[in-house]
């Protein structure tokens, strides 16, 4: 996998599923179940932390303190589901999340421009798609008829 986005240098986070992996890593990400089980230990560790949430989930139902996280990965199971766009926008506008929001899973290069406008700042893509994504980013639309908070 390759990380690509608005900024040239994106922090790599290692996904962990087992608490035994926790001690040896500086930048970690995990799913919601891992967070619920090990929340106190993770918070006290002072590591760079990221959480992976599915695009189908509601931020209100999750009831997380999003400012604790350095990265929020929104996982798209299918490109047909646009709820992840709404999650990114809500994180930026309603929760004032300023750090990295990363799209992962089934994201398409032609969605790049719209995802940036909704608040995504990076994308986890297959390495084989990197040249296509770089071309899309290079030639992305830069002027808009309608403003967003991110223009």
Protein backbone atom coordinates (compact mmCIF):
# COMPACT_ATOMS: atom_id res chain seq x y z
CA UNK A 1 0.00 0.00 0.00
CA UNK A 2 1.05 3.57 -0.71
CA UNK A 3 0.01 6.76 1.05
CA UNK A 4 -0.71 9.69 -1.25
CA UNK A 5 -2.39 13.03 -0.67
CA UNK A 6 -2.33 16.81 -0.46
CA UNK A 7 0.91 16.93 1.52
CA UNK A 8 4.03 15.22 0.22
CA UNK A 9 5.00 13.49 3.46
CA UNK A 10 2.40 11.34 5.16
CA UNK A 11 3.07 9.48 8.35
CA UNK A 12 2.91 5.71 8.00
CA UNK A 13 0.83 4.05 10.69
CA UNK A 14 1.12 0.32 11.39
CA UNK A 15 -2.20 -1.42 11.87
CA UNK A 16 -2.15 -3.61 14.96
CA UNK A 17 -4.57 -6.31 16.01
CA UNK A 18 -2.64 -7.69 18.95
CA UNK A 19 -1.63 -5.85 22.11
CA UNK A 20 1.77 -7.59 21.95
CA UNK A 21 2.65 -5.45 18.89
CA UNK A 22 1.82 -2.26 20.76
CA UNK A 23 5.05 -1.60 22.69
CA UNK A 24 7.50 -1.69 19.78
CA UNK A 25 5.74 0.77 17.50
CA UNK A 26 5.54 4.56 17.53
CA UNK A 27 2.72 5.17 15.04
CA UNK A 28 -0.17 2.75 15.38
CA UNK A 29 -3.69 2.42 14.08
CA UNK A 30 -6.39 -0.02 15.03
CA UNK A 31 -10.04 -0.80 14.59
CA UNK A 32 -12.86 0.25 16.88
CA UNK A 33 -12.96 -3.03 18.84
CA UNK A 34 -9.24 -2.79 19.65
CA UNK A 35 -9.75 0.81 20.81
CA UNK A 36 -12.62 -0.15 23.10
CA UNK A 37 -10.62 -2.97 24.66
CA UNK A 38 -7.32 -1.08 25.17
CA UNK A 39 -8.38 2.59 25.28
CA UNK A 40 -6.76 3.53 28.61
CA UNK A 41 -3.44 1.91 27.77
CA UNK A 42 -3.36 3.54 24.34
CA UNK A 43 -4.12 7.03 25.68
CA UNK A 44 -1.46 6.80 28.37
CA UNK A 45 1.19 5.64 25.86
CA UNK A 46 1.70 9.05 24.21
CA UNK A 47 2.06 7.36 20.81
CA UNK A 48 0.78 8.71 17.51
CA UNK A 49 -2.54 6.93 17.18
CA UNK A 50 -5.04 6.36 14.42
CA UNK A 51 -8.40 4.68 14.31
CA UNK A 52 -10.07 2.89 11.41
CA UNK A 53 -13.82 3.40 11.10
CA UNK A 54 -16.18 2.02 8.48
CA UNK A 55 -17.91 4.52 6.23
CA UNK A 56 -21.29 3.13 7.30
CA UNK A 57 -20.88 4.20 10.93
CA UNK A 58 -22.31 7.35 12.47
CA UNK A 59 -19.92 9.70 14.29
CA UNK A 60 -22.63 10.49 16.82
CA UNK A 61 -23.12 6.81 17.66
CA UNK A 62 -19.37 6.23 17.99
CA UNK A 63 -19.17 9.01 20.57
CA UNK A 64 -15.36 9.25 20.46
CA UNK A 65 -13.09 12.09 21.49
CA UNK A 66 -11.73 12.56 17.97
CA UNK A 67 -9.05 15.04 19.10
CA UNK A 68 -7.15 12.15 20.70
CA UNK A 69 -6.32 10.76 17.26
CA UNK A 70 -3.57 11.81 14.87
CA UNK A 71 -5.21 9.89 12.05
CA UNK A 72 -8.75 8.82 11.27
CA UNK A 73 -8.99 6.28 8.47
CA UNK A 74 -12.39 6.00 6.86
CA UNK A 75 -12.74 2.61 5.20
CA UNK A 76 -14.85 2.37 2.06
CA UNK A 77 -16.14 -1.13 1.41
CA UNK A 78 -17.53 -0.05 -1.96
CA UNK A 79 -17.20 3.05 -4.11
CA UNK A 80 -21.01 3.22 -4.33
CA UNK A 81 -21.31 4.23 -0.68
CA UNK A 82 -20.89 7.98 -0.24
CA UNK A 83 -21.33 8.05 3.53
CA UNK A 84 -17.58 8.29 4.05
CA UNK A 85 -17.66 11.68 2.33
CA UNK A 86 -20.18 12.84 4.92
CA UNK A 87 -18.07 11.48 7.78
CA UNK A 88 -15.02 13.42 6.59
CA UNK A 89 -17.02 16.61 6.21
CA UNK A 90 -18.57 16.25 9.67
CA UNK A 91 -15.18 15.57 11.24
CA UNK A 92 -13.82 18.79 9.74
CA UNK A 93 -16.82 21.06 10.20
CA UNK A 94 -18.68 19.78 13.27
CA UNK A 95 -15.86 18.21 15.28
CA UNK A 96 -13.12 20.65 14.13
CA UNK A 97 -10.73 17.76 13.45
CA UNK A 98 -7.49 19.27 12.07
CA UNK A 99 -5.29 16.21 11.62
CA UNK A 100 -5.10 13.56 8.88
CA UNK A 101 -8.31 12.02 7.53
CA UNK A 102 -7.33 9.14 5.26
CA UNK A 103 -9.54 7.28 2.79
CA UNK A 104 -8.83 3.58 2.56
CA UNK A 105 -10.49 0.58 0.96
CA UNK A 106 -12.32 0.95 -2.33
CA UNK A 107 -11.53 4.52 -3.39
CA UNK A 108 -11.20 5.58 -7.00
CA UNK A 109 -8.83 8.17 -8.48
CA UNK A 110 -11.70 10.06 -10.12
CA UNK A 111 -13.16 10.70 -6.64
CA UNK A 112 -9.98 12.48 -5.47
CA UNK A 113 -11.15 16.03 -6.11
CA UNK A 114 -14.48 15.50 -4.33
CA UNK A 115 -12.85 13.73 -1.40
CA UNK A 116 -10.41 16.61 -0.89
CA UNK A 117 -13.33 19.05 -0.93
CA UNK A 118 -15.08 16.98 1.76
CA UNK A 119 -12.06 17.02 4.06
CA UNK A 120 -9.89 14.02 3.22
CA UNK A 121 -6.18 14.79 3.34
CA UNK A 122 -4.62 11.46 2.34
CA UNK A 123 -5.41 8.20 0.60
CA UNK A 124 -4.20 4.66 1.10
CA UNK A 125 -3.98 3.12 -2.36
CA UNK A 126 -2.56 0.06 -4.07
CA UNK A 127 1.01 0.74 -5.14
CA UNK A 128 0.10 -0.37 -8.67
CA UNK A 129 -2.29 2.63 -8.92
CA UNK A 130 0.23 5.27 -7.80
CA UNK A 131 0.99 6.72 -11.26
CA UNK A 132 -2.71 7.10 -12.04
CA UNK A 133 -3.33 8.87 -8.74
CA UNK A 134 -0.34 11.17 -9.23
CA UNK A 135 -1.66 12.18 -12.64
CA UNK A 136 -5.14 12.85 -11.23
CA UNK A 137 -3.66 14.97 -8.43
CA UNK A 138 -1.44 16.91 -10.82
CA UNK A 139 -4.33 17.80 -13.13
CA UNK A 140 -7.01 18.22 -10.47
CA UNK A 141 -9.48 21.08 -10.74
CA UNK A 142 -8.33 24.10 -8.75
CA UNK A 143 -11.19 26.60 -9.19
CA UNK A 144 -14.79 26.08 -8.14
CA UNK A 145 -18.14 27.75 -8.58
CA UNK A 146 -19.10 26.94 -5.00
CA UNK A 147 -16.83 27.38 -2.00
CA UNK A 148 -16.32 24.92 0.84
CA UNK A 149 -14.43 25.39 4.09
CA UNK A 150 -11.49 23.58 2.49
CA UNK A 151 -10.99 25.76 -0.63
